[in-house]
Protein backbone atom coordinates (compact mmCIF):
# COMPACT_ATOMS: atom_id res chain seq x y z
CA MET A 1 0.00 0.00 0.00
CA LYS A 2 1.23 3.47 -0.87
CA ILE A 3 0.15 6.38 1.33
CA THR A 4 0.99 10.01 0.57
CA ILE A 5 0.24 12.66 3.17
CA TYR A 6 -0.12 16.16 1.73
CA THR A 7 0.05 19.11 4.10
CA VAL A 8 -0.74 22.65 3.04
CA CYS A 9 0.80 25.23 5.38
CA GLU A 10 3.63 27.75 5.53
CA LYS A 11 5.88 25.78 7.85
CA ILE A 12 6.06 22.57 9.85
CA GLU A 13 8.15 22.88 13.00
CA LYS A 14 11.33 20.81 13.19
CA PHE A 15 10.22 18.78 16.21
CA TYR A 16 7.11 17.65 14.31
CA LEU A 17 9.24 16.65 11.32
CA GLU A 18 11.51 14.61 13.59
CA ALA A 19 8.51 12.73 15.01
CA ILE A 20 7.12 12.20 11.50
CA LYS A 21 10.47 10.75 10.35
CA GLU A 22 10.36 8.26 13.21
CA TYR A 23 6.86 7.15 12.22
CA GLU A 24 7.88 6.96 8.54
CA LYS A 25 10.65 4.59 9.58
CA ARG A 26 8.27 2.46 11.68
CA LEU A 27 5.60 2.43 8.96
CA GLY A 28 8.15 1.26 6.38
CA ARG A 29 7.52 -2.35 7.37
CA TYR A 30 3.81 -2.04 6.53
CA CYS A 31 3.52 0.39 3.63
CA THR A 32 5.26 2.99 1.50
CA ILE A 33 4.56 6.38 3.05
CA LYS A 34 5.64 9.85 2.07
CA LEU A 35 5.03 13.37 3.34
CA ILE A 36 4.65 16.14 0.78
CA HIS A 37 4.63 19.62 2.30
CA LEU A 38 3.11 22.35 0.15
CA LYS A 39 3.11 26.02 1.06
CA LYS A 40 0.16 27.02 -1.14
CA GLU A 41 -3.12 25.30 -1.80
CA ASP A 42 -2.96 25.85 -5.57
CA GLN A 43 0.04 23.47 -5.66
CA LEU A 44 -2.11 20.66 -4.27
CA GLU A 45 -4.25 19.99 -7.34
CA LYS A 46 -1.12 19.68 -9.47
CA LYS A 47 0.29 17.07 -7.08
CA LEU A 48 -2.81 14.95 -6.51
CA SER A 49 -3.23 12.20 -9.03
CA ASP A 50 -6.57 11.19 -10.45
CA SER A 51 -6.02 7.63 -9.31
CA GLY A 52 -6.25 6.49 -5.75
CA TYR A 53 -8.43 7.22 -2.78
CA LYS A 54 -8.37 10.70 -1.27
CA ILE A 55 -9.09 11.32 2.41
CA LEU A 56 -9.50 14.91 3.58
CA ILE A 57 -8.71 15.64 7.22
CA ALA A 58 -11.10 18.38 8.24
CA ASN A 59 -13.42 19.44 11.01
CA ASN A 60 -16.73 17.73 10.56
CA LYS A 61 -18.87 15.35 12.55
CA GLN A 62 -17.34 12.05 11.44
CA SER A 63 -14.45 10.94 13.59
CA LEU A 64 -12.95 7.47 13.72
CA SER A 65 -11.47 5.43 16.51
CA SER A 66 -8.07 3.82 15.95
CA GLU A 67 -9.80 0.49 15.40
CA GLU A 68 -12.18 2.03 12.84
CA LEU A 69 -9.25 3.60 10.97
CA ALA A 70 -7.51 0.20 10.93
CA GLU A 71 -10.69 -1.40 9.59
CA LYS A 72 -10.98 1.30 6.90
CA ILE A 73 -7.35 0.85 5.77
CA ASN A 74 -7.72 -2.92 5.76
CA HIS A 75 -10.94 -2.66 3.73
CA LEU A 76 -9.27 -0.35 1.19
CA GLY A 77 -6.43 -2.85 0.83
CA ILE A 78 -8.82 -5.78 0.40
CA SER A 79 -10.70 -3.70 -2.18
CA ARG A 80 -7.43 -3.35 -4.11
CA ILE A 81 -7.16 0.35 -3.43
CA SER A 82 -3.44 0.58 -2.87
CA ASP A 83 -2.85 4.30 -3.45
CA ILE A 84 -4.18 6.55 -0.68
CA SER A 85 -3.73 10.31 -0.39
CA VAL A 86 -4.38 12.03 2.93
CA ILE A 87 -4.88 15.80 2.66
CA ILE A 88 -4.33 18.09 5.65
CA GLY A 89 -4.75 21.87 5.62
CA SER A 90 -6.99 22.25 2.58
CA GLU A 91 -10.64 23.16 2.51
CA ASN A 92 -11.08 23.00 -1.27
CA ALA A 93 -9.44 19.73 -2.29
CA GLN A 94 -11.42 17.04 -4.06
CA PHE A 95 -11.85 13.98 -1.85
CA ASP A 96 -13.53 10.60 -1.59
CA GLU A 97 -13.99 10.76 2.16
CA LYS A 98 -13.70 13.34 4.90
CA ILE A 99 -12.66 12.41 8.44
CA MET A 100 -11.83 14.31 11.60
CA LEU A 101 -8.91 13.64 13.91
CA SER A 102 -10.25 15.71 16.80
CA GLN A 103 -12.85 18.35 17.51
CA MET A 104 -10.07 20.51 18.94
CA ASP A 105 -8.28 23.05 16.76
CA MET A 106 -4.60 22.31 16.34
CA ASP A 107 -1.51 23.22 14.37
CA ILE A 108 -1.19 21.47 11.00
CA GLY A 109 2.19 20.08 12.04
CA LEU A 110 0.55 18.44 15.04
CA LYS A 111 -2.34 17.13 12.91
CA THR A 112 0.17 15.63 10.50
CA THR A 113 2.15 14.00 13.33
CA ILE A 114 -1.04 12.57 14.81
CA MET A 115 -2.08 11.22 11.41
CA PHE A 116 1.25 9.40 11.04
CA GLU A 117 0.92 8.03 14.57
CA GLN A 118 -2.64 6.85 13.94
CA LEU A 119 -1.63 5.17 10.68
CA TYR A 120 1.15 3.36 12.54
CA ARG A 121 -1.32 2.32 15.24
CA ALA A 122 -3.80 1.16 12.55
CA PHE A 123 -1.23 -1.08 10.86
CA ARG A 124 -0.23 -2.53 14.24
CA ILE A 125 -3.91 -3.34 14.88
CA ILE A 126 -4.35 -4.88 11.40
CA HIS A 127 -1.33 -7.16 11.95
CA ASN A 128 -2.29 -8.03 15.53
CA HIS A 129 0.93 -6.52 16.86
CA PRO A 130 1.02 -4.78 20.22
CA TYR A 131 1.23 -1.03 19.88
CA HIS A 132 3.54 -0.27 22.79
CA LYS A 133 6.96 -1.91 22.95
């Protein structure tokens, strides 16, 4: 499975990027994952491919538990959808599904870090591995 996380914001703080790198390393055993940081929203449409499944992270009423996210990822894989794009920081992007990480407002860097962490947790759940070492 290939997952690309697109963030649209001016800057992501270094400490978030360090945490994201750690999760990229951990996720490498389960999927191919990549962060693409864009400073302007108009760059997003050029980057998003027409193929694949697009998930927009936004504030709405649908939130998922870690187990539900794992189930969703597993279902996409079983359905042969192997290219997933997760979009953070855009209100205008085209998407197949919209989910919410939290009802709280937070920095895009933090949202991105949480998304990586939740994807890692989801793959651990899918493979029946304990989350904490």
